[in-house]
PDB file of N, CA and C in Angstrom:
ATOM      1  N   MET A   1       0.679  -0.607  -0.054  1.00  0.00           N
ATOM      2  CA  MET A   1      -0.019   0.188   0.539  1.00  0.00           C
ATOM      3  C   MET A   1       0.966   1.341   0.246  1.00  0.00           C
ATOM      4  N   ARG A   2       0.344   2.244  -0.963  1.00  0.00           N
ATOM      5  CA  ARG A   2       1.273   3.631  -0.882  1.00  0.00           C
ATOM      6  C   ARG A   2       1.484   4.048  -0.031  1.00  0.00           C
ATOM      7  N   SER A   3       2.103   5.212   0.590  1.00  0.00           N
ATOM      8  CA  SER A   3       1.089   5.852   2.014  1.00  0.00           C
ATOM      9  C   SER A   3       1.355   7.347   1.199  1.00  0.00           C
ATOM     10  N   LYS A   4       0.259   8.185   1.289  1.00  0.00           N
ATOM     11  CA  LYS A   4       0.649   9.021   1.091  1.00  0.00           C
ATOM     12  C   LYS A   4       0.610  10.539   0.813  1.00  0.00           C
ATOM     13  N   GLN A   5       1.447  11.717  -0.079  1.00  0.00           N
ATOM     14  CA  GLN A   5       2.828  12.288   0.479  1.00  0.00           C
ATOM     15  C   GLN A   5       1.967  13.360   1.113  1.00  0.00           C
ATOM     16  N   LYS A   6       3.266  14.355   2.137  1.00  0.00           N
ATOM     17  CA  LYS A   6       2.269  15.530   3.037  1.00  0.00           C
ATOM     18  C   LYS A   6       1.948  16.504   2.039  1.00  0.00           C
ATOM     19  N   GLY A   7       0.427  16.420   2.215  1.00  0.00           N
ATOM     20  CA  GLY A   7      -0.310  18.194   1.569  1.00  0.00           C
ATOM     21  C   GLY A   7      -0.962  17.800   0.132  1.00  0.00           C
ATOM     22  N   ALA A   8      -0.640  16.354  -0.232  1.00  0.00           N
ATOM     23  CA  ALA A   8      -1.651  16.219  -1.303  1.00  0.00           C
ATOM     24  C   ALA A   8      -3.115  15.991  -1.210  1.00  0.00           C
ATOM     25  N   ALA A   9      -3.823  16.160  -1.989  1.00  0.00           N
ATOM     26  CA  ALA A   9      -5.398  16.378  -1.951  1.00  0.00           C
ATOM     27  C   ALA A   9      -6.107  14.988  -2.036  1.00  0.00           C
ATOM     28  N   GLU A  10      -6.617  14.834  -1.453  1.00  0.00           N
ATOM     29  CA  GLU A  10      -7.394  13.554  -1.814  1.00  0.00           C
ATOM     30  C   GLU A  10      -8.140  13.323  -2.781  1.00  0.00           C
ATOM     31  N   GLY A  11      -8.513  11.552  -3.382  1.00  0.00           N
ATOM     32  CA  GLY A  11      -8.578  11.765  -4.929  1.00  0.00           C
ATOM     33  C   GLY A  11      -8.567  12.536  -5.427  1.00  0.00           C
ATOM     34  N   ILE A  12      -6.904  12.881  -5.707  1.00  0.00           N
ATOM     35  CA  ILE A  12      -6.871  14.036  -7.260  1.00  0.00           C
ATOM     36  C   ILE A  12      -5.585  12.768  -7.084  1.00  0.00           C
ATOM     37  N   SER A  13      -5.571  12.441  -8.735  1.00  0.00           N
ATOM     38  CA  SER A  13      -4.348  11.858  -8.963  1.00  0.00           C
ATOM     39  C   SER A  13      -3.824  12.564  -9.906  1.00  0.00           C
ATOM     40  N   LYS A  14      -1.966  12.098  -9.784  1.00  0.00           N
ATOM     41  CA  LYS A  14      -1.225  12.613 -10.151  1.00  0.00           C
ATOM     42  C   LYS A  14      -0.879  11.954 -11.530  1.00  0.00           C
ATOM     43  N   GLY A  15      -1.356  10.769 -11.655  1.00  0.00           N
ATOM     44  CA  GLY A  15      -0.721  10.066 -12.971  1.00  0.00           C
ATOM     45  C   GLY A  15      -1.693  10.032 -14.205  1.00  0.00           C
ATOM     46  N   TYR A  16      -2.526  11.291 -14.053  1.00  0.00           N
ATOM     47  CA  TYR A  16      -3.908  11.889 -15.390  1.00  0.00           C
ATOM     48  C   TYR A  16      -2.636  11.633 -16.626  1.00  0.00           C
ATOM     49  N   ARG A  17      -3.540  11.508 -17.411  1.00  0.00           N
ATOM     50  CA  ARG A  17      -2.933  10.941 -19.179  1.00  0.00           C
ATOM     51  C   ARG A  17      -3.377  12.494 -19.398  1.00  0.00           C
ATOM     52  N   LEU A  18      -3.300  12.407 -20.552  1.00  0.00           N
ATOM     53  CA  LEU A  18      -3.386  14.155 -21.362  1.00  0.00           C
ATOM     54  C   LEU A  18      -2.645  13.850 -22.495  1.00  0.00           C
ATOM     55  N   ARG A  19      -3.188  14.666 -23.549  1.00  0.00           N
ATOM     56  CA  ARG A  19      -2.623  14.103 -24.734  1.00  0.00           C
ATOM     57  C   ARG A  19      -1.252  14.784 -25.248  1.00  0.00           C
ATOM     58  N   LEU A  20      -0.786  14.339 -26.422  1.00  0.00           N
ATOM     59  CA  LEU A  20       0.511  14.585 -26.331  1.00  0.00           C
ATOM     60  C   LEU A  20       0.688  16.109 -26.757  1.00  0.00           C
ATOM     61  N   GLU A  21      -0.454  16.644 -26.956  1.00  0.00           N
ATOM     62  CA  GLU A  21      -0.304  18.531 -27.767  1.00  0.00           C
ATOM     63  C   GLU A  21      -0.669  18.803 -26.797  1.00  0.00           C
ATOM     64  N   THR A  22      -1.747  18.232 -25.739  1.00  0.00           N
ATOM     65  CA  THR A  22      -1.425  19.412 -24.447  1.00  0.00           C
ATOM     66  C   THR A  22      -0.564  19.658 -23.711  1.00  0.00           C
ATOM     67  N   HIS A  23       0.528  18.059 -23.300  1.00  0.00           N
ATOM     68  CA  HIS A  23       1.855  18.239 -22.436  1.00  0.00           C
ATOM     69  C   HIS A  23       2.378  19.164 -23.234  1.00  0.00           C
ATOM     70  N   ARG A  24       2.131  19.506 -24.743  1.00  0.00           N
ATOM     71  CA  ARG A  24       2.904  20.099 -25.531  1.00  0.00           C
ATOM     72  C   ARG A  24       2.220  21.984 -24.575  1.00  0.00           C
ATOM     73  N   MET A  25       1.444  22.151 -24.702  1.00  0.00           N
ATOM     74  CA  MET A  25       0.971  22.727 -24.092  1.00  0.00           C
ATOM     75  C   MET A  25       1.557  23.236 -23.097  1.00  0.00           C
ATOM     76  N   VAL A  26       1.349  23.060 -22.415  1.00  0.00           N
ATOM     77  CA  VAL A  26       1.822  23.100 -20.131  1.00  0.00           C
ATOM     78  C   VAL A  26       3.091  23.344 -20.120  1.00  0.00           C
ATOM     79  N   GLN A  27       3.831  22.228 -21.181  1.00  0.00           N
ATOM     80  CA  GLN A  27       5.058  22.414 -21.011  1.00  0.00           C
ATOM     81  C   GLN A  27       5.209  24.227 -21.294  1.00  0.00           C
ATOM     82  N   LYS A  28       5.443  24.374 -22.712  1.00  0.00           N
ATOM     83  CA  LYS A  28       5.373  25.938 -23.322  1.00  0.00           C
ATOM     84  C   LYS A  28       4.702  26.945 -22.231  1.00  0.00           C
ATOM     85  N   LEU A  29       3.346  26.974 -21.200  1.00  0.00           N
ATOM     86  CA  LEU A  29       3.265  27.406 -20.967  1.00  0.00           C
ATOM     87  C   LEU A  29       3.584  27.678 -18.732  1.00  0.00           C
ATOM     88  N   LYS A  30       4.310  26.394 -18.838  1.00  0.00           N
ATOM     89  CA  LYS A  30       5.501  26.211 -17.463  1.00  0.00           C
ATOM     90  C   LYS A  30       6.186  27.287 -17.192  1.00  0.00           C
ATOM     91  N   SER A  31       7.144  27.247 -18.604  1.00  0.00           N
ATOM     92  CA  SER A  31       8.310  28.043 -18.580  1.00  0.00           C
ATOM     93  C   SER A  31       7.962  29.488 -19.130  1.00  0.00           C
ATOM     94  N   LYS A  32       6.918  29.850 -20.010  1.00  0.00           N
ATOM     95  CA  LYS A  32       6.775  31.361 -19.656  1.00  0.00           C
ATOM     96  C   LYS A  32       6.316  32.012 -18.430  1.00  0.00           C
ATOM     97  N   LEU A  33       5.779  31.182 -17.709  1.00  0.00           N
ATOM     98  CA  LEU A  33       4.788  31.729 -16.314  1.00  0.00           C
ATOM     99  C   LEU A  33       5.923  31.240 -14.839  1.00  0.00           C
ATOM    100  N   ASN A  34       6.927  30.351 -15.444  1.00  0.00           N
ATOM    101  CA  ASN A  34       7.917  29.901 -14.662  1.00  0.00           C
ATOM    102  C   ASN A  34       7.465  29.367 -13.010  1.00  0.00           C
ATOM    103  N   SER A  35       6.972  27.916 -13.313  1.00  0.00           N
ATOM    104  CA  SER A  35       5.995  27.446 -11.946  1.00  0.00           C
ATOM    105  C   SER A  35       5.755  26.575 -12.871  1.00  0.00           C
ATOM    106  N   SER A  36       5.683  25.418 -11.711  1.00  0.00           N
ATOM    107  CA  SER A  36       4.650  24.039 -11.597  1.00  0.00           C
ATOM    108  C   SER A  36       3.712  23.063 -13.250  1.00  0.00           C
ATOM    109  N   LYS A  37       3.771  22.039 -13.369  1.00  0.00           N
ATOM    110  CA  LYS A  37       2.692  21.965 -14.169  1.00  0.00           C
ATOM    111  C   LYS A  37       1.168  21.497 -13.391  1.00  0.00           C
ATOM    112  N   ASP A  38       1.674  21.447 -12.118  1.00  0.00           N
ATOM    113  CA  ASP A  38       0.099  21.198 -11.088  1.00  0.00           C
ATOM    114  C   ASP A  38      -0.846  23.535 -11.213  1.00  0.00           C
ATOM    115  N   GLU A  39       0.408  23.631 -11.376  1.00  0.00           N
ATOM    116  CA  GLU A  39       0.223  25.321 -11.068  1.00  0.00           C
ATOM    117  C   GLU A  39      -0.475  25.843 -12.562  1.00  0.00           C
ATOM    118  N   VAL A  40      -0.135  25.441 -13.559  1.00  0.00           N
ATOM    119  CA  VAL A  40      -0.222  26.160 -14.872  1.00  0.00           C
ATOM    120  C   VAL A  40      -1.790  25.245 -15.005  1.00  0.00           C
ATOM    121  N   ILE A  41      -1.893  24.059 -14.901  1.00  0.00           N
ATOM    122  CA  ILE A  41      -3.408  22.916 -15.230  1.00  0.00           C
ATOM    123  C   ILE A  41      -4.321  23.844 -14.148  1.00  0.00           C
ATOM    124  N   SER A  42      -4.313  23.816 -12.515  1.00  0.00           N
ATOM    125  CA  SER A  42      -4.709  25.145 -11.617  1.00  0.00           C
ATOM    126  C   SER A  42      -5.356  26.484 -12.224  1.00  0.00           C
ATOM    127  N   ARG A  43      -4.503  27.622 -12.974  1.00  0.00           N
ATOM    128  CA  ARG A  43      -4.665  28.120 -12.987  1.00  0.00           C
ATOM    129  C   ARG A  43      -5.883  28.684 -14.546  1.00  0.00           C
ATOM    130  N   ALA A  44      -5.367  27.599 -15.670  1.00  0.00           N
ATOM    131  CA  ALA A  44      -6.095  26.496 -16.860  1.00  0.00           C
ATOM    132  C   ALA A  44      -8.074  26.087 -16.272  1.00  0.00           C
ATOM    133  N   CYS A  45      -7.909  26.135 -14.933  1.00  0.00           N
ATOM    134  CA  CYS A  45      -8.957  25.488 -15.641  1.00  0.00           C
ATOM    135  C   CYS A  45      -9.650  26.082 -14.623  1.00  0.00           C
ATOM    136  N   SER A  46      -9.566  27.233 -13.847  1.00  0.00           N
ATOM    137  CA  SER A  46      -9.464  28.383 -13.085  1.00  0.00           C
ATOM    138  C   SER A  46     -10.247  29.526 -13.984  1.00  0.00           C
ATOM    139  N   MET A  47      -9.769  29.255 -15.384  1.00  0.00           N
ATOM    140  CA  MET A  47      -9.337  30.785 -15.907  1.00  0.00           C
ATOM    141  C   MET A  47     -10.727  29.880 -16.865  1.00  0.00           C
ATOM    142  N   LEU A  48     -11.017  28.492 -17.264  1.00  0.00           N
ATOM    143  CA  LEU A  48     -12.581  28.377 -18.005  1.00  0.00           C
ATOM    144  C   LEU A  48     -13.162  28.091 -17.231  1.00  0.00           C
ATOM    145  N   ILE A  49     -13.392  28.115 -15.804  1.00  0.00           N
ATOM    146  CA  ILE A  49     -14.163  27.969 -15.018  1.00  0.00           C
ATOM    147  C   ILE A  49     -15.527  29.617 -14.455  1.00  0.00           C
ATOM    148  N   GLU A  50     -14.005  30.294 -14.776  1.00  0.00           N
ATOM    149  CA  GLU A  50     -14.530  31.979 -14.945  1.00  0.00           C
ATOM    150  C   GLU A  50     -15.434  31.967 -16.511  1.00  0.00           C
ATOM    151  N   ASP A  51     -14.867  31.600 -16.652  1.00  0.00           N
ATOM    152  CA  ASP A  51     -15.297  32.184 -18.740  1.00  0.00           C
ATOM    153  C   ASP A  51     -16.913  31.155 -18.706  1.00  0.00           C
ATOM    154  N   PHE A  52     -17.133  30.338 -18.093  1.00  0.00           N
ATOM    155  CA  PHE A  52     -17.871  29.458 -17.873  1.00  0.00           C
ATOM    156  C   PHE A  52     -19.670  30.185 -17.857  1.00  0.00           C
ATOM    157  N   ARG A  53     -18.659  31.198 -16.898  1.00  0.00           N
ATOM    158  CA  ARG A  53     -19.781  32.146 -15.345  1.00  0.00           C
ATOM    159  C   ARG A  53     -20.023  33.192 -15.887  1.00  0.00           C
ATOM    160  N   GLN A  54     -19.408  33.518 -16.755  1.00  0.00           N
ATOM    161  CA  GLN A  54     -18.853  34.901 -17.441  1.00  0.00           C
ATOM    162  C   GLN A  54     -20.479  34.762 -18.930  1.00  0.00           C
ATOM    163  N   LYS A  55     -19.830  33.963 -19.237  1.00  0.00           N
ATOM    164  CA  LYS A  55     -20.846  32.683 -20.673  1.00  0.00           C
ATOM    165  C   LYS A  55     -22.385  32.919 -20.037  1.00  0.00           C
ATOM    166  N   LYS A  56     -22.763  32.189 -19.279  1.00  0.00           N
ATOM    167  CA  LYS A  56     -23.304  32.513 -18.874  1.00  0.00           C
ATOM    168  C   LYS A  56     -24.673  33.539 -18.192  1.00  0.00           C
ATOM    169  N   ASN A  57     -23.952  34.401 -17.477  1.00  0.00           N
ATOM    170  CA  ASN A  57     -24.145  35.578 -17.525  1.00  0.00           C
ATOM    171  C   ASN A  57     -24.668  36.216 -18.575  1.00  0.00           C
ATOM    172  N   LYS A  58     -24.215  36.927 -19.069  1.00  0.00           N
ATOM    173  CA  LYS A  58     -24.426  36.714 -20.772  1.00  0.00           C
ATOM    174  C   LYS A  58     -25.564  36.048 -21.313  1.00  0.00           C
ATOM    175  N   ARG A  59     -25.928  35.459 -21.116  1.00  0.00           N
ATOM    176  CA  ARG A  59     -27.308  35.185 -21.575  1.00  0.00           C
ATOM    177  C   ARG A  59     -28.320  35.319 -20.482  1.00  0.00           C
ATOM    178  N   ASN A  60     -27.903  35.474 -19.219  1.00  0.00           N
ATOM    179  CA  ASN A  60     -29.473  35.415 -18.407  1.00  0.00           C
ATOM    180  C   ASN A  60     -29.372  36.830 -18.627  1.00  0.00           C
ATOM    181  N   ILE A  61     -28.677  38.077 -19.020  1.00  0.00           N
ATOM    182  CA  ILE A  61     -28.730  39.560 -18.910  1.00  0.00           C
ATOM    183  C   ILE A  61     -29.262  39.128 -20.049  1.00  0.00           C
ATOM    184  N   LYS A  62     -29.658  39.146 -21.033  1.00  0.00           N
ATOM    185  CA  LYS A  62     -30.591  39.494 -22.617  1.00  0.00           C
ATOM    186  C   LYS A  62     -31.436  39.213 -22.488  1.00  0.00           C
TER     187      LYS A  62
END
């Protein structure tokens, strides 16, 4: 049985598989932002969620 790493969030797999083109995009962003892969993916997800919220709000306003 594997022991959990300190600070690791439960239920999040570190071994997720991404398409090769996605890995390349993450690598480019990682070097431009000077941050980790996890940080790049986290920021991208946050931006996507915010984009969905804005689009939902625009639909509700009309």
